[in-house]
Amino acid sequence: MHDYQASNDALKEKVILVTGAGDGIGKVAAIEFAKHGATVILLGKTVAKLEAVYDEIIALGAPQPAIVPLDMKGATKQHYRDLAATIENEFGRLDGLLNNASIIGSLGPLEHFCVSTFENIMKVNVTAQAVLTKSLFPLLRKAPHASIVFTSSGVGREGREFWGAYAISKFATEGMMQTWSKEVGKTNIRINCINPGATRTAMRAIAFPGEDKAKLKTPADLMPTYLYLMSDDSIGVNGQSIDAQPKN
């Protein structure tokens, strides 16, 4: 699927929510989904960034997106209930959910982890995504074919020193996807993970400040996998953890 080529209308009339849509992979995915016909709901914590993505989508002549300013670190169950109610009123259903928003915190030995940082990472990367997905499930059930994509990491499959809470959160993400995908079984909903791999993003720069960015794939390079999993071409693909970059 790394060389998957989506048709121009592969996501026509689909409604897709993207978290962390203001920057990095989330921003590029939102724009690509819109380019291929989707009405995209842009969720993020920085309004100015969301507005910039909104303007870019409008400039393409793509379907008008929606903006949802929400900081997942401080969001409550009521925020997610309200979001679900708004989507139901506006669109009646949800065809896709890209759980992309994550925070990395600080790297270092687990022996010395900061409790508050650990709790924040688990809240944004695991708990908030679980509650958001749970809240949107009734809307996803109303779609003919719905796709949920969680964002994983190589450090969520094999532990690596100094990745601390971030790695633990991504192990939890993998477990959540596997559990939920088995529960949906052969219904209209499919649930998978994408591991983006080393990508030229602000988060990557925090983890590897001395790295040569020119050698990294850009978010745009990863989009075939994201488009594949959101399109109906991936119907029947469920419970998979997929690498967005081919292994050398």
C-alpha atoms as a PDB file:
ATOM      1  CA  MET A   1       0.000   0.000   0.000  1.00  0.00           C
ATOM      2  CA  HIS A   2       3.048   2.276   0.064  1.00  0.00           C
ATOM      3  CA  ASP A   3       2.520   2.821  -3.655  1.00  0.00           C
ATOM      4  CA  TYR A   4      -1.279   2.981  -3.383  1.00  0.00           C
ATOM      5  CA  GLN A   5      -2.767   5.559  -5.721  1.00  0.00           C
ATOM      6  CA  ALA A   6      -6.143   6.864  -4.609  1.00  0.00           C
ATOM      7  CA  SER A   7      -8.614   8.000  -7.231  1.00  0.00           C
ATOM      8  CA  ASN A   8      -9.488  11.690  -7.110  1.00  0.00           C
ATOM      9  CA  ASP A   9     -12.879  10.935  -5.582  1.00  0.00           C
ATOM     10  CA  ALA A  10     -11.777   8.050  -3.339  1.00  0.00           C
ATOM     11  CA  LEU A  11     -13.208   9.803  -0.267  1.00  0.00           C
ATOM     12  CA  LYS A  12     -16.114  11.585  -1.931  1.00  0.00           C
ATOM     13  CA  GLU A  13     -18.971  12.383   0.479  1.00  0.00           C
ATOM     14  CA  LYS A  14     -17.086  10.872   3.427  1.00  0.00           C
ATOM     15  CA  VAL A  15     -16.954  12.768   6.718  1.00  0.00           C
ATOM     16  CA  ILE A  16     -13.609  12.277   8.467  1.00  0.00           C
ATOM     17  CA  LEU A  17     -12.396  13.666  11.797  1.00  0.00           C
ATOM     18  CA  VAL A  18      -8.656  14.241  12.209  1.00  0.00           C
ATOM     19  CA  THR A  19      -7.120  14.981  15.614  1.00  0.00           C
ATOM     20  CA  GLY A  20      -3.929  17.022  15.744  1.00  0.00           C
ATOM     21  CA  ALA A  21      -4.981  18.528  12.432  1.00  0.00           C
ATOM     22  CA  GLY A  22      -3.110  21.796  12.831  1.00  0.00           C
ATOM     23  CA  ASP A  23       0.390  20.558  12.164  1.00  0.00           C
ATOM     24  CA  GLY A  24       2.599  17.735  10.929  1.00  0.00           C
ATOM     25  CA  ILE A  25       1.053  14.482   9.750  1.00  0.00           C
ATOM     26  CA  GLY A  26      -2.448  15.495  10.873  1.00  0.00           C
ATOM     27  CA  LYS A  27      -2.374  18.651   8.785  1.00  0.00           C
ATOM     28  CA  VAL A  28      -1.158  16.888   5.653  1.00  0.00           C
ATOM     29  CA  ALA A  29      -3.622  14.019   6.116  1.00  0.00           C
ATOM     30  CA  ALA A  30      -6.533  16.440   6.539  1.00  0.00           C
ATOM     31  CA  ILE A  31      -5.592  18.268   3.339  1.00  0.00           C
ATOM     32  CA  GLU A  32      -5.131  15.027   1.406  1.00  0.00           C
ATOM     33  CA  PHE A  33      -8.466  13.656   2.621  1.00  0.00           C
ATOM     34  CA  ALA A  34     -10.140  16.887   1.498  1.00  0.00           C
ATOM     35  CA  LYS A  35      -8.366  16.750  -1.883  1.00  0.00           C
ATOM     36  CA  HIS A  36      -9.903  13.332  -2.417  1.00  0.00           C
ATOM     37  CA  GLY A  37     -13.423  14.511  -1.675  1.00  0.00           C
ATOM     38  CA  ALA A  38     -13.878  14.228   2.096  1.00  0.00           C
ATOM     39  CA  THR A  39     -15.478  16.762   4.382  1.00  0.00           C
ATOM     40  CA  VAL A  40     -12.834  16.990   7.093  1.00  0.00           C
ATOM     41  CA  ILE A  41     -13.423  17.923  10.733  1.00  0.00           C
ATOM     42  CA  LEU A  42     -10.222  19.574  11.958  1.00  0.00           C
ATOM     43  CA  LEU A  43      -9.616  18.998  15.682  1.00  0.00           C
ATOM     44  CA  GLY A  44      -6.677  20.603  17.461  1.00  0.00           C
ATOM     45  CA  LYS A  45      -5.738  22.878  20.323  1.00  0.00           C
ATOM     46  CA  THR A  46      -4.401  25.886  18.371  1.00  0.00           C
ATOM     47  CA  VAL A  47      -7.121  27.825  16.559  1.00  0.00           C
ATOM     48  CA  ALA A  48      -4.730  29.792  14.333  1.00  0.00           C
ATOM     49  CA  LYS A  49      -3.190  26.576  12.978  1.00  0.00           C
ATOM     50  CA  LEU A  50      -6.607  25.040  12.337  1.00  0.00           C
ATOM     51  CA  GLU A  51      -7.734  28.187  10.533  1.00  0.00           C
ATOM     52  CA  ALA A  52      -4.642  28.042   8.314  1.00  0.00           C
ATOM     53  CA  VAL A  53      -5.446  24.431   7.348  1.00  0.00           C
ATOM     54  CA  TYR A  54      -9.076  25.425   6.781  1.00  0.00           C
ATOM     55  CA  ASP A  55      -7.993  28.225   4.426  1.00  0.00           C
ATOM     56  CA  GLU A  56      -5.680  25.885   2.527  1.00  0.00           C
ATOM     57  CA  ILE A  57      -8.483  23.369   2.003  1.00  0.00           C
ATOM     58  CA  ILE A  58     -10.901  26.073   0.845  1.00  0.00           C
ATOM     59  CA  ALA A  59      -8.272  27.392  -1.582  1.00  0.00           C
ATOM     60  CA  LEU A  60      -8.134  23.929  -3.180  1.00  0.00           C
ATOM     61  CA  GLY A  61     -11.854  24.049  -3.913  1.00  0.00           C
ATOM     62  CA  ALA A  62     -12.360  20.999  -1.697  1.00  0.00           C
ATOM     63  CA  PRO A  63     -15.451  20.491   0.505  1.00  0.00           C
ATOM     64  CA  GLN A  64     -15.724  23.050   3.299  1.00  0.00           C
ATOM     65  CA  PRO A  65     -14.129  21.632   6.458  1.00  0.00           C
ATOM     66  CA  ALA A  66     -15.217  22.180  10.060  1.00  0.00           C
ATOM     67  CA  ILE A  67     -13.026  23.373  12.936  1.00  0.00           C
ATOM     68  CA  VAL A  68     -13.129  21.978  16.484  1.00  0.00           C
ATOM     69  CA  PRO A  69     -10.720  23.703  18.895  1.00  0.00           C
ATOM     70  CA  LEU A  70     -10.069  21.211  21.709  1.00  0.00           C
ATOM     71  CA  ASP A  71      -7.098  20.542  23.968  1.00  0.00           C
ATOM     72  CA  MET A  72      -7.243  16.815  24.607  1.00  0.00           C
ATOM     73  CA  LYS A  73      -5.175  17.184  27.760  1.00  0.00           C
ATOM     74  CA  GLY A  74      -7.958  19.111  29.469  1.00  0.00           C
ATOM     75  CA  ALA A  75     -11.015  17.776  27.631  1.00  0.00           C
ATOM     76  CA  THR A  76     -13.772  16.118  29.653  1.00  0.00           C
ATOM     77  CA  LYS A  77     -16.331  13.452  28.777  1.00  0.00           C
ATOM     78  CA  GLN A  78     -18.846  16.251  28.232  1.00  0.00           C
ATOM     79  CA  HIS A  79     -16.634  17.886  25.612  1.00  0.00           C
ATOM     80  CA  TYR A  80     -16.631  14.641  23.633  1.00  0.00           C
ATOM     81  CA  ARG A  81     -20.377  14.147  24.076  1.00  0.00           C
ATOM     82  CA  ASP A  82     -20.970  17.669  22.813  1.00  0.00           C
ATOM     83  CA  LEU A  83     -18.672  17.041  19.845  1.00  0.00           C
ATOM     84  CA  ALA A  84     -20.581  13.880  18.929  1.00  0.00           C
ATOM     85  CA  ALA A  85     -23.894  15.726  19.173  1.00  0.00           C
ATOM     86  CA  THR A  86     -22.624  18.524  16.924  1.00  0.00           C
ATOM     87  CA  ILE A  87     -21.351  16.078  14.296  1.00  0.00           C
ATOM     88  CA  GLU A  88     -24.666  14.224  14.365  1.00  0.00           C
ATOM     89  CA  ASN A  89     -26.609  17.464  13.895  1.00  0.00           C
ATOM     90  CA  GLU A  90     -24.365  18.673  11.069  1.00  0.00           C
ATOM     91  CA  PHE A  91     -23.571  15.468   9.195  1.00  0.00           C
ATOM     92  CA  GLY A  92     -25.663  12.610  10.627  1.00  0.00           C
ATOM     93  CA  ARG A  93     -22.765  10.147  10.636  1.00  0.00           C
ATOM     94  CA  LEU A  94     -18.982   9.786  10.668  1.00  0.00           C
ATOM     95  CA  ASP A  95     -17.103   7.750   8.067  1.00  0.00           C
ATOM     96  CA  GLY A  96     -13.577   8.052   9.392  1.00  0.00           C
ATOM     97  CA  LEU A  97     -11.575   8.911  12.498  1.00  0.00           C
ATOM     98  CA  LEU A  98      -7.816   9.505  12.447  1.00  0.00           C
ATOM     99  CA  ASN A  99      -6.522   9.503  16.008  1.00  0.00           C
ATOM    100  CA  ASN A 100      -3.325  11.373  15.215  1.00  0.00           C
ATOM    101  CA  ALA A 101      -2.762  13.777  18.132  1.00  0.00           C
ATOM    102  CA  SER A 102       0.039  12.736  20.490  1.00  0.00           C
ATOM    103  CA  ILE A 103       2.575  14.332  22.796  1.00  0.00           C
ATOM    104  CA  ILE A 104       6.072  13.049  23.427  1.00  0.00           C
ATOM    105  CA  GLY A 105       6.950  14.695  26.758  1.00  0.00           C
ATOM    106  CA  SER A 106      10.622  14.378  27.622  1.00  0.00           C
ATOM    107  CA  LEU A 107      12.932  11.465  26.987  1.00  0.00           C
ATOM    108  CA  GLY A 108      14.957   9.915  29.783  1.00  0.00           C
ATOM    109  CA  PRO A 109      15.294   6.882  32.071  1.00  0.00           C
ATOM    110  CA  LEU A 110      12.036   5.504  33.460  1.00  0.00           C
ATOM    111  CA  GLU A 111      13.673   5.510  36.876  1.00  0.00           C
ATOM    112  CA  HIS A 112      13.513   9.307  36.836  1.00  0.00           C
ATOM    113  CA  PHE A 113      10.201   9.965  35.099  1.00  0.00           C
ATOM    114  CA  CYS A 114       8.113  12.978  36.110  1.00  0.00           C
ATOM    115  CA  VAL A 115       4.731  11.820  37.371  1.00  0.00           C
ATOM    116  CA  SER A 116       2.777  14.794  36.005  1.00  0.00           C
ATOM    117  CA  THR A 117       4.412  14.466  32.575  1.00  0.00           C
ATOM    118  CA  PHE A 118       3.679  10.738  32.574  1.00  0.00           C
ATOM    119  CA  GLU A 119       0.024  11.395  33.414  1.00  0.00           C
ATOM    120  CA  ASN A 120      -0.306  14.049  30.692  1.00  0.00           C
ATOM    121  CA  ILE A 121       1.167  11.740  28.051  1.00  0.00           C
ATOM    122  CA  MET A 122      -1.176   8.918  29.006  1.00  0.00           C
ATOM    123  CA  LYS A 123      -4.142  11.309  29.051  1.00  0.00           C
ATOM    124  CA  VAL A 124      -3.528  12.672  25.535  1.00  0.00           C
ATOM    125  CA  ASN A 125      -2.118   9.567  23.856  1.00  0.00           C
ATOM    126  CA  VAL A 126      -4.390   6.930  25.393  1.00  0.00           C
ATOM    127  CA  THR A 127      -7.291   8.028  27.580  1.00  0.00           C
ATOM    128  CA  ALA A 128      -8.475  10.961  25.453  1.00  0.00           C
ATOM    129  CA  GLN A 129      -8.330   8.852  22.291  1.00  0.00           C
ATOM    130  CA  ALA A 130     -10.285   6.055  23.936  1.00  0.00           C
ATOM    131  CA  VAL A 131     -12.990   8.429  25.197  1.00  0.00           C
ATOM    132  CA  LEU A 132     -13.183  10.307  21.873  1.00  0.00           C
ATOM    133  CA  THR A 133     -13.505   7.054  19.924  1.00  0.00           C
ATOM    134  CA  LYS A 134     -16.096   5.670  22.338  1.00  0.00           C
ATOM    135  CA  SER A 135     -18.123   8.897  22.048  1.00  0.00           C
ATOM    136  CA  LEU A 136     -18.081   8.758  18.253  1.00  0.00           C
ATOM    137  CA  PHE A 137     -18.905   5.054  17.930  1.00  0.00           C
ATOM    138  CA  PRO A 138     -22.679   5.568  17.468  1.00  0.00           C
ATOM    139  CA  LEU A 139     -21.932   7.937  14.557  1.00  0.00           C
ATOM    140  CA  LEU A 140     -19.416   5.536  13.024  1.00  0.00           C
ATOM    141  CA  ARG A 141     -22.032   2.767  13.168  1.00  0.00           C
ATOM    142  CA  LYS A 142     -24.302   4.932  10.983  1.00  0.00           C
ATOM    143  CA  ALA A 143     -21.780   4.990   8.120  1.00  0.00           C
ATOM    144  CA  PRO A 144     -21.934   2.352   5.371  1.00  0.00           C
ATOM    145  CA  HIS A 145     -18.243   1.612   5.963  1.00  0.00           C
ATOM    146  CA  ALA A 146     -16.288   3.344   8.737  1.00  0.00           C
ATOM    147  CA  SER A 147     -12.538   3.390   9.360  1.00  0.00           C
ATOM    148  CA  ILE A 148     -10.784   4.189  12.648  1.00  0.00           C
ATOM    149  CA  VAL A 149      -7.019   4.670  12.520  1.00  0.00           C
ATOM    150  CA  PHE A 150      -4.826   4.965  15.598  1.00  0.00           C
ATOM    151  CA  THR A 151      -1.258   6.271  15.409  1.00  0.00           C
ATOM    152  CA  SER A 152       1.368   3.884  16.703  1.00  0.00           C
ATOM    153  CA  SER A 153       5.173   3.916  16.791  1.00  0.00           C
ATOM    154  CA  GLY A 154       8.084   1.546  16.498  1.00  0.00           C
ATOM    155  CA  VAL A 155       8.723   2.114  20.224  1.00  0.00           C
ATOM    156  CA  GLY A 156       5.201   0.847  20.877  1.00  0.00           C
ATOM    157  CA  ARG A 157       6.093  -2.571  19.493  1.00  0.00           C
ATOM    158  CA  GLU A 158       9.529  -3.100  21.017  1.00  0.00           C
ATOM    159  CA  GLY A 159      10.672  -1.252  24.110  1.00  0.00           C
ATOM    160  CA  ARG A 160      13.578   1.108  23.696  1.00  0.00           C
ATOM    161  CA  GLU A 161      15.576   2.805  26.393  1.00  0.00           C
ATOM    162  CA  PHE A 162      14.737   6.402  27.366  1.00  0.00           C
ATOM    163  CA  TRP A 163      11.402   6.559  25.507  1.00  0.00           C
ATOM    164  CA  GLY A 164       9.543   6.218  28.792  1.00  0.00           C
ATOM    165  CA  ALA A 165       5.901   7.184  28.941  1.00  0.00           C
ATOM    166  CA  TYR A 166       5.638   7.807  25.202  1.00  0.00           C
ATOM    167  CA  ALA A 167       6.644   4.224  24.424  1.00  0.00           C
ATOM    168  CA  ILE A 168       4.298   2.879  27.091  1.00  0.00           C
ATOM    169  CA  SER A 169       1.451   4.951  25.637  1.00  0.00           C
ATOM    170  CA  LYS A 170       2.075   3.510  22.183  1.00  0.00           C
ATOM    171  CA  PHE A 171       2.113  -0.053  23.519  1.00  0.00           C
ATOM    172  CA  ALA A 172      -1.281   0.829  25.009  1.00  0.00           C
ATOM    173  CA  THR A 173      -2.419   2.193  21.640  1.00  0.00           C
ATOM    174  CA  GLU A 174      -1.514  -1.070  19.938  1.00  0.00           C
ATOM    175  CA  GLY A 175      -3.402  -3.005  22.617  1.00  0.00           C
ATOM    176  CA  MET A 176      -6.438  -0.744  22.343  1.00  0.00           C
ATOM    177  CA  MET A 177      -6.557  -1.190  18.573  1.00  0.00           C
ATOM    178  CA  GLN A 178      -6.205  -4.973  18.817  1.00  0.00           C
ATOM    179  CA  THR A 179      -8.896  -5.280  21.485  1.00  0.00           C
ATOM    180  CA  TRP A 180     -11.354  -2.955  19.773  1.00  0.00           C
ATOM    181  CA  SER A 181     -10.814  -4.453  16.321  1.00  0.00           C
ATOM    182  CA  LYS A 182     -11.705  -7.909  17.665  1.00  0.00           C
ATOM    183  CA  GLU A 183     -14.837  -6.497  19.273  1.00  0.00           C
ATOM    184  CA  VAL A 184     -16.103  -4.881  16.062  1.00  0.00           C
ATOM    185  CA  GLY A 185     -15.406  -8.095  14.157  1.00  0.00           C
ATOM    186  CA  LYS A 186     -17.066  -8.218  10.767  1.00  0.00           C
ATOM    187  CA  THR A 187     -19.236  -5.133  11.168  1.00  0.00           C
ATOM    188  CA  ASN A 188     -19.236  -1.906   9.161  1.00  0.00           C
ATOM    189  CA  ILE A 189     -16.321  -0.591  11.281  1.00  0.00           C
ATOM    190  CA  ARG A 190     -12.676  -1.474  10.811  1.00  0.00           C
ATOM    191  CA  ILE A 191      -9.888  -0.412  13.171  1.00  0.00           C
ATOM    192  CA  ASN A 192      -6.174  -0.340  12.437  1.00  0.00           C
ATOM    193  CA  CYS A 193      -2.905   1.329  13.470  1.00  0.00           C
ATOM    194  CA  ILE A 194      -0.403   3.221  11.372  1.00  0.00           C
ATOM    195  CA  ASN A 195       3.221   3.474  12.413  1.00  0.00           C
ATOM    196  CA  PRO A 196       4.464   6.577  10.551  1.00  0.00           C
ATOM    197  CA  GLY A 197       8.145   5.798  11.153  1.00  0.00           C
ATOM    198  CA  ALA A 198      10.850   8.487  11.184  1.00  0.00           C
ATOM    199  CA  THR A 199       9.142  11.543   9.690  1.00  0.00           C
ATOM    200  CA  ARG A 200      10.092  15.203   9.318  1.00  0.00           C
ATOM    201  CA  THR A 201       7.857  16.660  12.057  1.00  0.00           C
ATOM    202  CA  ALA A 202       8.241  18.944  15.073  1.00  0.00           C
ATOM    203  CA  MET A 203       7.792  15.958  17.406  1.00  0.00           C
ATOM    204  CA  ARG A 204      10.620  14.078  15.710  1.00  0.00           C
ATOM    205  CA  ALA A 205      12.862  17.142  16.066  1.00  0.00           C
ATOM    206  CA  ILE A 206      12.264  17.106  19.842  1.00  0.00           C
ATOM    207  CA  ALA A 207      13.356  13.482  20.081  1.00  0.00           C
ATOM    208  CA  PHE A 208      16.317  13.799  17.695  1.00  0.00           C
ATOM    209  CA  PRO A 209      17.464  17.447  17.691  1.00  0.00           C
ATOM    210  CA  GLY A 210      20.753  16.715  15.923  1.00  0.00           C
ATOM    211  CA  GLU A 211      19.289  14.599  13.139  1.00  0.00           C
ATOM    212  CA  ASP A 212      19.637  15.562   9.485  1.00  0.00           C
ATOM    213  CA  LYS A 213      16.021  16.374   8.576  1.00  0.00           C
ATOM    214  CA  ALA A 214      16.773  16.174   4.869  1.00  0.00           C
ATOM    215  CA  LYS A 215      17.179  12.411   5.196  1.00  0.00           C
ATOM    216  CA  LEU A 216      13.709  11.917   6.661  1.00  0.00           C
ATOM    217  CA  LYS A 217      10.486  11.203   4.830  1.00  0.00           C
ATOM    218  CA  THR A 218       7.984  14.053   4.852  1.00  0.00           C
ATOM    219  CA  PRO A 219       4.367  13.593   5.985  1.00  0.00           C
ATOM    220  CA  ALA A 220       3.335  13.806   2.318  1.00  0.00           C
ATOM    221  CA  ASP A 221       5.451  10.730   1.568  1.00  0.00           C
ATOM    222  CA  LEU A 222       3.313   8.682   3.973  1.00  0.00           C
ATOM    223  CA  MET A 223      -0.080   9.610   2.593  1.00  0.00           C
ATOM    224  CA  PRO A 224      -0.681   6.541   0.377  1.00  0.00           C
ATOM    225  CA  THR A 225      -1.121   4.428   3.530  1.00  0.00           C
ATOM    226  CA  TYR A 226      -3.428   6.971   5.182  1.00  0.00           C
ATOM    227  CA  LEU A 227      -5.557   7.316   2.047  1.00  0.00           C
ATOM    228  CA  TYR A 228      -5.744   3.553   1.639  1.00  0.00           C
ATOM    229  CA  LEU A 229      -7.025   2.947   5.156  1.00  0.00           C
ATOM    230  CA  MET A 230      -9.622   5.721   4.899  1.00  0.00           C
ATOM    231  CA  SER A 231     -10.892   4.646   1.478  1.00  0.00           C
ATOM    232  CA  ASP A 232     -13.271   1.800   0.738  1.00  0.00           C
ATOM    233  CA  ASP A 233     -10.367  -0.028  -0.889  1.00  0.00           C
ATOM    234  CA  SER A 234      -9.357  -1.157   2.619  1.00  0.00           C
ATOM    235  CA  ILE A 235     -12.740  -2.685   3.521  1.00  0.00           C
ATOM    236  CA  GLY A 236     -11.952  -5.990   5.223  1.00  0.00           C
ATOM    237  CA  VAL A 237      -8.606  -4.786   6.605  1.00  0.00           C
ATOM    238  CA  ASN A 238      -9.088  -4.901  10.378  1.00  0.00           C
ATOM    239  CA  GLY A 239      -6.815  -5.294  13.399  1.00  0.00           C
ATOM    240  CA  GLN A 240      -3.611  -4.547  11.493  1.00  0.00           C
ATOM    241  CA  SER A 241      -0.617  -2.460  12.559  1.00  0.00           C
ATOM    242  CA  ILE A 242       0.749  -1.073   9.323  1.00  0.00           C
ATOM    243  CA  ASP A 243       4.068   0.637   8.624  1.00  0.00           C
ATOM    244  CA  ALA A 244       3.669   3.772   6.504  1.00  0.00           C
ATOM    245  CA  GLN A 245       7.259   3.443   5.345  1.00  0.00           C
ATOM    246  CA  PRO A 246       8.519   0.285   3.651  1.00  0.00           C
ATOM    247  CA  LYS A 247      11.211  -1.598   5.512  1.00  0.00           C
ATOM    248  CA  ASN A 248      14.605  -1.451   3.821  1.00  0.00           C
END
